[in-house]
Amino acid sequence: MRAWIPSLLRGLLLAVLVTFLVSPQWFEPLLRPLVQDNAPAIYNQGSLLTLTILHLRTVAIATIGATVVALSLAILVTRPFGAEFLPLSRSLVNIGQTFPPVAVLALAVPILGFGEKPTLVALFLYGLLPIFENTLTGLTTVPASVMEAARGSGMTERQRLFKVELPLAMPVIVAGIRLSVVISLATATIGSTVAAKTLGEVIIAGLQSNNLAFVLQGGLIVGALAVLIYNGLTAIERMLARSRGVSAKNEAGDKGSLKHRS
């Protein structure tokens, strides 16, 4: 398969998705066979574009929060003074995987009320584990020779973290964020069961009215978003692996060489 074909397909998918969100009525003839007589083929209880934006916003907020916390915990437990907190940190980030998102919503609603907040809590907890584990893997697999060269060049621990360890670990970290985002995109649909504005609203409306076209619209939009974001983050991951990883190694190596020469 030629290298440009995947890019062409992604571009086509993006174009179709944007067109559908902006002008969904153009696709009504395709969806009409899926509904009963007189039933609407296009979701008509709100704007698909608005719901998609709100869905992405919820996922973005939860992912940013999970990334900050997971990165901080992983950095802490890979420092000498924080190594003893590794078992506790693993237990904390596993909470989201232990409790199903529906259970988290059920526990959060009495405290936070209905709406977006319980959904954010569920997505935040569910997204911690892949980011934490990937960050931990990335930071603990930095080549010893690179770290030794960084120490030999006179770098402080803080400098080694930000100039060597994190740049080298970044491709693995992005892979964890990618997994977390894809999981959150699908999981966020259940937020509509507690009145959060997500694409789950379209799916639930379809299930309640036995309208297969609604269910298909909500599912396909979420699926298309997942594919596009997954591929976008994969491209970033590869770019970081090629550029930042190599440059960080070279920087540490060059400084180490200068130190030894002096």
Protein backbone atom coordinates (compact mmCIF):
# COMPACT_ATOMS: atom_id res chain seq x y z
CA MET A 1 0.00 0.00 0.00
CA ARG A 2 1.35 3.42 -0.92
CA ALA A 3 2.34 5.68 1.97
CA TRP A 4 -0.05 8.46 0.97
CA ILE A 5 -3.17 6.29 1.01
CA PRO A 6 -3.63 6.25 4.84
CA SER A 7 -3.27 10.05 4.92
CA LEU A 8 -5.81 10.36 2.13
CA LEU A 9 -8.26 8.13 4.00
CA ARG A 10 -7.82 10.13 7.21
CA GLY A 11 -8.39 13.36 5.33
CA LEU A 12 -11.51 11.91 3.72
CA LEU A 13 -12.82 10.73 7.09
CA LEU A 14 -12.25 14.17 8.59
CA ALA A 15 -13.99 15.85 5.68
CA VAL A 16 -17.01 13.54 5.93
CA LEU A 17 -17.21 14.01 9.70
CA VAL A 18 -17.08 17.81 9.49
CA THR A 19 -19.63 17.84 6.67
CA PHE A 20 -21.98 15.61 8.65
CA LEU A 21 -21.70 17.74 11.78
CA VAL A 22 -22.27 20.99 9.89
CA SER A 23 -24.93 19.76 7.42
CA PRO A 24 -26.31 16.44 8.67
CA GLN A 25 -29.43 16.78 6.51
CA TRP A 26 -27.32 15.95 3.45
CA PHE A 27 -27.00 12.40 4.79
CA GLU A 28 -30.69 11.87 5.47
CA PRO A 29 -31.26 9.67 2.36
CA LEU A 30 -28.59 7.26 3.63
CA LEU A 31 -30.14 7.00 7.09
CA ARG A 32 -33.81 7.00 6.10
CA PRO A 33 -33.98 3.19 5.54
CA LEU A 34 -32.96 2.66 9.19
CA VAL A 35 -36.02 4.36 10.71
CA GLN A 36 -39.70 3.63 10.81
CA ASP A 37 -42.24 5.71 8.92
CA ASN A 38 -42.42 9.38 9.95
CA ALA A 39 -39.54 8.99 12.42
CA PRO A 40 -36.70 11.51 12.01
CA ALA A 41 -33.58 10.10 10.39
CA ILE A 42 -31.33 12.90 11.67
CA TYR A 43 -31.02 13.67 15.39
CA ASN A 44 -33.35 16.60 15.99
CA GLN A 45 -33.20 17.17 19.74
CA GLY A 46 -30.09 19.31 19.62
CA SER A 47 -27.09 20.26 17.51
CA LEU A 48 -24.75 17.39 16.67
CA LEU A 49 -21.90 19.88 16.26
CA THR A 50 -22.51 21.38 19.71
CA LEU A 51 -22.74 17.96 21.35
CA THR A 52 -19.49 16.91 19.65
CA ILE A 53 -17.68 20.02 20.90
CA LEU A 54 -19.01 19.50 24.43
CA HIS A 55 -18.05 15.82 24.27
CA LEU A 56 -14.50 16.71 23.24
CA ARG A 57 -14.29 19.40 25.90
CA THR A 58 -15.24 16.94 28.63
CA VAL A 59 -12.67 14.42 27.40
CA ALA A 60 -9.98 17.12 27.11
CA ILE A 61 -10.52 18.44 30.65
CA ALA A 62 -10.46 14.96 32.15
CA THR A 63 -7.39 13.94 30.14
CA ILE A 64 -5.44 17.07 31.07
CA GLY A 65 -6.22 16.50 34.74
CA ALA A 66 -5.28 12.81 34.54
CA THR A 67 -2.06 13.66 32.69
CA VAL A 68 -0.94 16.21 35.27
CA VAL A 69 -1.63 13.88 38.20
CA ALA A 70 -0.24 10.74 36.54
CA LEU A 71 2.94 12.52 35.39
CA SER A 72 3.48 14.00 38.84
CA LEU A 73 3.04 10.63 40.55
CA ALA A 74 5.34 8.86 38.09
CA ILE A 75 8.05 11.50 38.51
CA LEU A 76 7.69 11.30 42.30
CA VAL A 77 8.08 7.52 42.52
CA THR A 78 11.08 7.48 40.17
CA ARG A 79 13.02 9.88 42.43
CA PRO A 80 15.06 8.37 45.28
CA PHE A 81 12.99 10.17 47.94
CA GLY A 82 9.69 8.96 46.47
CA ALA A 83 10.41 5.35 45.55
CA GLU A 84 8.64 4.06 48.67
CA PHE A 85 5.37 5.58 47.42
CA LEU A 86 5.25 3.37 44.29
CA PRO A 87 2.84 0.74 45.75
CA LEU A 88 0.52 3.47 47.06
CA SER A 89 0.60 5.34 43.74
CA ARG A 90 -0.21 2.17 41.81
CA SER A 91 -3.16 1.54 44.12
CA LEU A 92 -4.45 5.06 43.58
CA VAL A 93 -4.27 4.99 39.78
CA ASN A 94 -5.90 1.55 39.72
CA ILE A 95 -9.03 2.87 41.42
CA GLY A 96 -10.53 3.93 38.10
CA GLN A 97 -10.00 0.48 36.64
CA THR A 98 -11.34 -1.27 39.74
CA PHE A 99 -14.65 0.60 39.76
CA PRO A 100 -16.66 0.68 36.52
CA PRO A 101 -17.42 4.21 35.28
CA VAL A 102 -21.12 3.64 35.93
CA ALA A 103 -20.36 2.91 39.58
CA VAL A 104 -18.22 6.04 39.83
CA LEU A 105 -21.08 8.09 38.38
CA ALA A 106 -23.51 6.57 40.87
CA LEU A 107 -21.21 7.52 43.75
CA ALA A 108 -20.38 10.98 42.42
CA VAL A 109 -23.89 12.19 41.59
CA PRO A 110 -25.09 12.47 45.22
CA ILE A 111 -22.00 14.58 46.00
CA LEU A 112 -21.58 16.64 42.84
CA GLY A 113 -25.08 16.58 41.40
CA PHE A 114 -26.13 15.83 37.85
CA GLY A 115 -24.26 17.19 34.85
CA GLU A 116 -20.67 17.23 33.64
CA LYS A 117 -18.86 17.04 36.99
CA PRO A 118 -19.57 13.35 37.79
CA THR A 119 -18.54 12.46 34.24
CA LEU A 120 -15.26 14.34 34.64
CA VAL A 121 -14.52 12.41 37.84
CA ALA A 122 -15.20 9.06 36.14
CA LEU A 123 -13.07 9.90 33.08
CA PHE A 124 -10.27 11.32 35.24
CA LEU A 125 -10.04 8.18 37.36
CA TYR A 126 -10.35 5.90 34.33
CA GLY A 127 -7.58 7.71 32.46
CA LEU A 128 -4.92 7.67 35.17
CA LEU A 129 -3.58 4.15 34.80
CA PRO A 130 -2.34 4.11 31.17
CA ILE A 131 -0.66 7.50 31.51
CA PHE A 132 0.97 6.61 34.84
CA GLU A 133 2.24 3.21 33.71
CA ASN A 134 3.60 4.53 30.41
CA THR A 135 5.31 7.45 32.12
CA LEU A 136 6.80 5.09 34.67
CA THR A 137 8.04 2.81 31.89
CA GLY A 138 9.49 5.72 29.93
CA LEU A 139 11.34 7.19 32.92
CA THR A 140 12.74 3.87 34.15
CA THR A 141 14.02 2.71 30.75
CA VAL A 142 16.22 5.68 29.94
CA PRO A 143 19.60 4.18 28.96
CA ALA A 144 22.04 4.16 31.86
CA SER A 145 24.81 5.44 29.58
CA VAL A 146 22.77 8.54 28.77
CA MET A 147 22.08 9.24 32.43
CA GLU A 148 25.74 8.74 33.27
CA ALA A 149 26.76 11.17 30.54
CA ALA A 150 24.27 13.71 31.88
CA ARG A 151 25.68 13.37 35.39
CA GLY A 152 29.21 13.62 34.06
CA SER A 153 28.35 16.86 32.28
CA GLY A 154 27.37 18.43 35.59
CA MET A 155 23.59 18.44 35.15
CA THR A 156 21.54 18.76 38.30
CA GLU A 157 18.76 16.25 39.00
CA ARG A 158 16.17 18.78 37.83
CA GLN A 159 18.08 19.40 34.60
CA ARG A 160 18.40 15.67 33.95
CA LEU A 161 14.66 15.26 34.43
CA PHE A 162 13.58 18.02 32.06
CA LYS A 163 16.40 17.88 29.51
CA VAL A 164 17.06 14.15 29.30
CA GLU A 165 14.55 11.86 31.02
CA LEU A 166 11.26 13.47 29.99
CA PRO A 167 12.31 14.12 26.36
CA LEU A 168 13.43 10.50 25.97
CA ALA A 169 10.30 9.20 27.70
CA MET A 170 7.91 11.50 25.83
CA PRO A 171 7.02 9.08 22.98
CA VAL A 172 5.99 6.45 25.55
CA ILE A 173 4.10 9.06 27.57
CA VAL A 174 2.20 10.21 24.48
CA ALA A 175 1.28 6.58 23.80
CA GLY A 176 -0.29 6.40 27.27
CA ILE A 177 -2.16 9.65 26.71
CA ARG A 178 -3.38 8.32 23.36
CA LEU A 179 -4.80 5.22 25.02
CA SER A 180 -6.40 7.28 27.77
CA VAL A 181 -8.05 9.65 25.28
CA VAL A 182 -9.49 6.83 23.17
CA ILE A 183 -10.90 5.14 26.26
CA SER A 184 -12.36 8.43 27.49
CA LEU A 185 -13.99 9.20 24.14
CA ALA A 186 -16.03 6.02 24.35
CA THR A 187 -16.62 6.14 28.11
CA ALA A 188 -17.83 9.76 28.03
CA THR A 189 -21.02 8.65 26.27
CA ILE A 190 -22.35 7.23 29.55
CA GLY A 191 -22.17 10.72 31.00
CA SER A 192 -25.48 11.48 29.33
CA THR A 193 -27.15 9.11 31.80
CA VAL A 194 -26.48 11.76 34.46
CA ALA A 195 -27.43 14.72 32.24
CA ALA A 196 -23.96 15.53 30.91
CA LYS A 197 -23.94 17.00 27.41
CA THR A 198 -22.14 14.36 25.36
CA LEU A 199 -22.77 12.31 22.22
CA GLY A 200 -24.26 9.66 24.46
CA GLU A 201 -27.37 11.83 24.37
CA VAL A 202 -27.86 10.87 20.72
CA ILE A 203 -27.37 7.16 21.43
CA ILE A 204 -29.72 7.18 24.42
CA ALA A 205 -32.39 9.02 22.43
CA GLY A 206 -32.11 6.36 19.74
CA LEU A 207 -32.43 3.52 22.23
CA GLN A 208 -35.44 5.11 23.91
CA SER A 209 -37.28 5.69 20.63
CA ASN A 210 -36.07 2.51 18.90
CA ASN A 211 -34.41 4.73 16.29
CA LEU A 212 -31.41 2.91 14.84
CA ALA A 213 -30.36 5.98 12.84
CA PHE A 214 -29.80 7.99 16.04
CA VAL A 215 -27.78 5.18 17.63
CA LEU A 216 -25.68 4.87 14.49
CA GLN A 217 -25.03 8.62 14.30
CA GLY A 218 -23.80 8.86 17.87
CA GLY A 219 -21.67 5.73 17.59
CA LEU A 220 -20.11 6.65 14.25
CA ILE A 221 -19.22 10.18 15.36
CA VAL A 222 -17.48 8.85 18.48
CA GLY A 223 -15.75 6.18 16.40
CA ALA A 224 -14.55 8.69 13.80
CA LEU A 225 -13.24 11.01 16.52
CA ALA A 226 -11.39 8.11 18.15
CA VAL A 227 -9.75 7.09 14.86
CA LEU A 228 -8.69 10.64 13.99
CA ILE A 229 -7.34 11.48 17.45
CA TYR A 230 -5.62 8.10 17.73
CA ASN A 231 -3.85 8.64 14.41
CA GLY A 232 -2.99 12.23 15.26
CA LEU A 233 -1.37 11.26 18.56
CA THR A 234 0.39 8.34 16.88
CA ALA A 235 1.92 10.80 14.41
CA ILE A 236 3.06 13.02 17.29
CA GLU A 237 4.51 10.00 19.07
CA ARG A 238 6.54 9.02 16.01
CA MET A 239 7.72 12.57 15.50
CA LEU A 240 8.91 12.78 19.10
CA ALA A 241 10.65 9.43 18.82
CA ARG A 242 12.55 10.66 15.76
CA SER A 243 13.38 14.21 16.81
CA ARG A 244 13.26 14.87 20.54
CA GLY A 245 14.57 11.47 21.52
CA VAL A 246 17.56 11.67 19.23
CA SER A 247 18.33 15.29 20.09
CA ALA A 248 18.17 14.59 23.84
CA LYS A 249 20.58 11.68 23.47
CA ASN A 250 22.95 13.77 21.39
CA GLU A 251 22.79 16.67 23.83
CA ALA A 252 23.63 14.48 26.81
CA GLY A 253 26.33 12.67 24.86
CA ASP A 254 27.95 15.88 23.62
CA LYS A 255 28.02 17.36 27.11
CA GLY A 256 29.47 14.15 28.46
CA SER A 257 32.22 14.21 25.80
CA LEU A 258 33.07 17.81 26.62
CA LYS A 259 33.25 16.95 30.30
CA HIS A 260 35.65 14.07 29.73
CA ARG A 261 37.84 16.16 27.41
CA SER A 262 38.11 18.90 29.96
